[in-house]
Amino acid sequence: MTFFIIFQKESLLQKLITMKKIFFILFVSAIAFSVSAQTKKTPATKKTAVKKAKGVGDFEMKQYFMVFLKSGPNRTQDSVTVAKIQEGHLAHLTKMYNEGKTDLAGPFMDKGDIRGICVYNVATIEEVKKLTELDPAVISGRLIVEIHPWYAAKGSVLK
């Protein structure tokens, strides 16, 4: 009887060891498969490889127009007039943004000759000229504009 109990215990012990080995092999296999799936690289086309090598990435480029708002020749207005011009200037910039004609605008903080910038998102430089000529600050001579075509990734955002 003692022999049978010992044999049964050994058999149970062997079964546990075998089950642990199987579980360990399955566990290691699952981890290896998971790591392999996460690090698997898709083959890159030649074009993609070149773009990434140059640091360009996968995006479409678009032409915008960078407008520098510079101090104009007529800056001698009284404070009430300056306030009205500034109010009109801000209303104009807001309208341009709401109509989708500008994507970015703001003043420089250093009080230099270049007072601010606007990034226009329109088709031609002629359209930019027409739109900037409607700005009350430009009309009054407080500001003049300097327009430059600018190439950037379509839909670029500041972070």
Protein backbone atom coordinates (compact mmCIF):
# COMPACT_ATOMS: atom_id res chain seq x y z
CA MET A 1 0.00 0.00 0.00
CA THR A 2 2.82 2.39 0.83
CA PHE A 3 4.37 1.69 -2.54
CA PHE A 4 1.15 2.65 -4.34
CA ILE A 5 0.88 5.98 -2.42
CA ILE A 6 4.50 6.89 -3.22
CA PHE A 7 3.94 5.95 -6.88
CA GLN A 8 0.78 8.04 -6.99
CA LYS A 9 2.62 11.03 -5.44
CA GLU A 10 5.45 10.73 -7.91
CA SER A 11 3.00 10.54 -10.75
CA LEU A 12 1.18 13.64 -9.51
CA LEU A 13 4.48 15.42 -8.99
CA GLN A 14 5.63 14.52 -12.48
CA LYS A 15 2.34 15.77 -13.90
CA LEU A 16 2.77 19.11 -12.10
CA ILE A 17 6.33 19.47 -13.35
CA THR A 18 5.25 18.64 -16.90
CA MET A 19 2.36 21.13 -16.72
CA LYS A 20 4.72 23.84 -15.39
CA LYS A 21 7.13 23.16 -18.25
CA ILE A 22 4.32 23.41 -20.82
CA PHE A 23 2.98 26.60 -19.22
CA PHE A 24 6.48 28.12 -19.16
CA ILE A 25 7.07 27.26 -22.84
CA LEU A 26 3.69 28.76 -23.80
CA PHE A 27 4.39 31.88 -21.73
CA VAL A 28 7.84 32.43 -23.28
CA SER A 29 6.43 31.78 -26.76
CA ALA A 30 3.65 34.33 -26.22
CA ILE A 31 6.14 36.99 -25.10
CA ALA A 32 8.44 36.26 -28.03
CA PHE A 33 5.54 36.44 -30.49
CA SER A 34 4.30 39.70 -28.96
CA VAL A 35 7.73 41.36 -29.13
CA SER A 36 8.22 40.12 -32.68
CA ALA A 37 4.84 41.53 -33.76
CA GLN A 38 5.57 44.92 -32.16
CA THR A 39 8.99 45.32 -33.75
CA LYS A 40 8.11 43.97 -37.18
CA LYS A 41 8.99 46.57 -39.80
CA THR A 42 7.11 46.91 -43.03
CA PRO A 43 9.32 47.14 -46.09
CA ALA A 44 9.81 50.78 -47.10
CA THR A 45 9.55 51.87 -50.67
CA LYS A 46 12.51 53.67 -52.16
CA LYS A 47 10.58 56.98 -52.13
CA THR A 48 9.65 56.63 -48.43
CA ALA A 49 13.20 55.67 -47.52
CA VAL A 50 14.56 58.74 -49.31
CA LYS A 51 12.05 61.05 -47.63
CA LYS A 52 12.86 59.67 -44.19
CA ALA A 53 16.58 59.80 -44.87
CA LYS A 54 16.24 63.48 -45.69
CA GLY A 55 14.09 64.04 -42.61
CA VAL A 56 11.08 65.16 -44.63
CA GLY A 57 8.48 62.60 -43.53
CA ASP A 58 5.23 61.69 -45.20
CA PHE A 59 3.25 64.88 -45.79
CA GLU A 60 2.16 67.22 -48.53
CA MET A 61 3.86 70.60 -48.99
CA LYS A 62 1.87 73.78 -49.68
CA GLN A 63 2.62 77.42 -50.48
CA TYR A 64 1.54 80.02 -47.94
CA PHE A 65 2.42 83.71 -47.76
CA MET A 66 4.38 85.11 -44.80
CA VAL A 67 3.50 88.76 -44.25
CA PHE A 68 5.72 90.90 -42.06
CA LEU A 69 3.85 93.87 -40.58
CA LYS A 70 6.42 96.64 -40.23
CA SER A 71 6.29 100.11 -38.72
CA GLY A 72 4.87 102.49 -41.32
CA PRO A 73 5.75 106.12 -42.11
CA ASN A 74 2.72 107.58 -40.31
CA ARG A 75 2.93 106.82 -36.59
CA THR A 76 2.11 110.27 -35.21
CA GLN A 77 -1.62 109.76 -34.55
CA ASP A 78 -3.08 110.71 -31.16
CA SER A 79 -3.95 107.94 -28.69
CA VAL A 80 -7.69 107.97 -29.49
CA THR A 81 -6.99 107.56 -33.21
CA VAL A 82 -4.39 104.87 -32.53
CA ALA A 83 -6.95 102.94 -30.45
CA LYS A 84 -9.51 103.11 -33.29
CA ILE A 85 -6.92 102.01 -35.86
CA GLN A 86 -5.86 99.10 -33.61
CA GLU A 87 -9.48 98.05 -33.11
CA GLY A 88 -10.01 98.05 -36.88
CA HIS A 89 -6.72 96.20 -37.42
CA LEU A 90 -7.73 93.44 -34.99
CA ALA A 91 -11.21 93.23 -36.54
CA HIS A 92 -9.60 92.84 -39.98
CA LEU A 93 -7.27 90.06 -38.76
CA THR A 94 -10.20 88.29 -37.08
CA LYS A 95 -12.23 88.49 -40.28
CA MET A 96 -9.32 87.09 -42.33
CA TYR A 97 -8.96 84.19 -39.88
CA ASN A 98 -12.71 83.45 -39.78
CA GLU A 99 -12.84 83.42 -43.59
CA GLY A 100 -9.92 80.97 -43.72
CA LYS A 101 -7.59 83.44 -45.40
CA THR A 102 -5.04 83.49 -42.57
CA ASP A 103 -3.85 80.62 -40.41
CA LEU A 104 -1.64 82.49 -37.97
CA ALA A 105 -1.19 86.11 -36.89
CA GLY A 106 0.37 87.91 -33.97
CA PRO A 107 2.67 90.69 -32.78
CA PHE A 108 6.35 90.46 -31.96
CA MET A 109 7.10 91.32 -28.35
CA ASP A 110 10.42 93.13 -28.83
CA LYS A 111 9.00 96.48 -30.08
CA GLY A 112 11.34 96.39 -33.10
CA ASP A 113 10.64 97.64 -36.62
CA ILE A 114 8.88 94.39 -37.55
CA ARG A 115 5.71 94.64 -35.48
CA GLY A 116 4.10 91.28 -36.27
CA ILE A 117 3.39 88.53 -38.78
CA CYS A 118 0.45 86.96 -40.61
CA VAL A 119 0.50 83.71 -42.52
CA TYR A 120 -1.96 83.93 -45.41
CA ASN A 121 -3.47 80.78 -46.86
CA VAL A 122 -4.63 82.04 -50.28
CA ALA A 123 -3.83 81.18 -53.90
CA THR A 124 -1.80 84.18 -55.09
CA ILE A 125 0.40 87.00 -53.92
CA GLU A 126 -1.98 89.43 -55.65
CA GLU A 127 -4.78 88.27 -53.36
CA VAL A 128 -2.54 88.80 -50.32
CA LYS A 129 -1.77 92.35 -51.50
CA LYS A 130 -5.49 93.13 -51.93
CA LEU A 131 -6.34 91.72 -48.50
CA THR A 132 -3.54 93.53 -46.67
CA GLU A 133 -4.55 96.81 -48.33
CA LEU A 134 -7.93 96.49 -46.54
CA ASP A 135 -6.27 96.56 -43.09
CA PRO A 136 -6.99 99.90 -41.33
CA ALA A 137 -3.45 99.95 -39.90
CA VAL A 138 -2.03 99.71 -43.43
CA ILE A 139 -4.54 102.22 -44.82
CA SER A 140 -3.58 104.75 -42.09
CA GLY A 141 0.15 104.28 -42.71
CA ARG A 142 0.87 102.94 -39.19
CA LEU A 143 1.95 99.66 -40.78
CA ILE A 144 3.44 98.59 -44.07
CA VAL A 145 3.64 95.01 -45.29
CA GLU A 146 6.42 92.85 -46.67
CA ILE A 147 5.12 89.70 -48.37
CA HIS A 148 7.10 86.50 -48.93
CA PRO A 149 5.92 83.22 -50.50
CA TRP A 150 6.52 80.51 -47.90
CA TYR A 151 6.57 76.74 -48.34
CA ALA A 152 5.51 74.53 -45.42
CA ALA A 153 3.82 71.23 -44.68
CA LYS A 154 0.11 71.49 -45.38
CA GLY A 155 -1.83 71.98 -42.14
CA SER A 156 1.29 72.68 -40.04
CA VAL A 157 0.56 73.61 -36.43
CA LEU A 158 2.54 75.15 -33.61
CA LYS A 159 3.20 72.92 -30.63
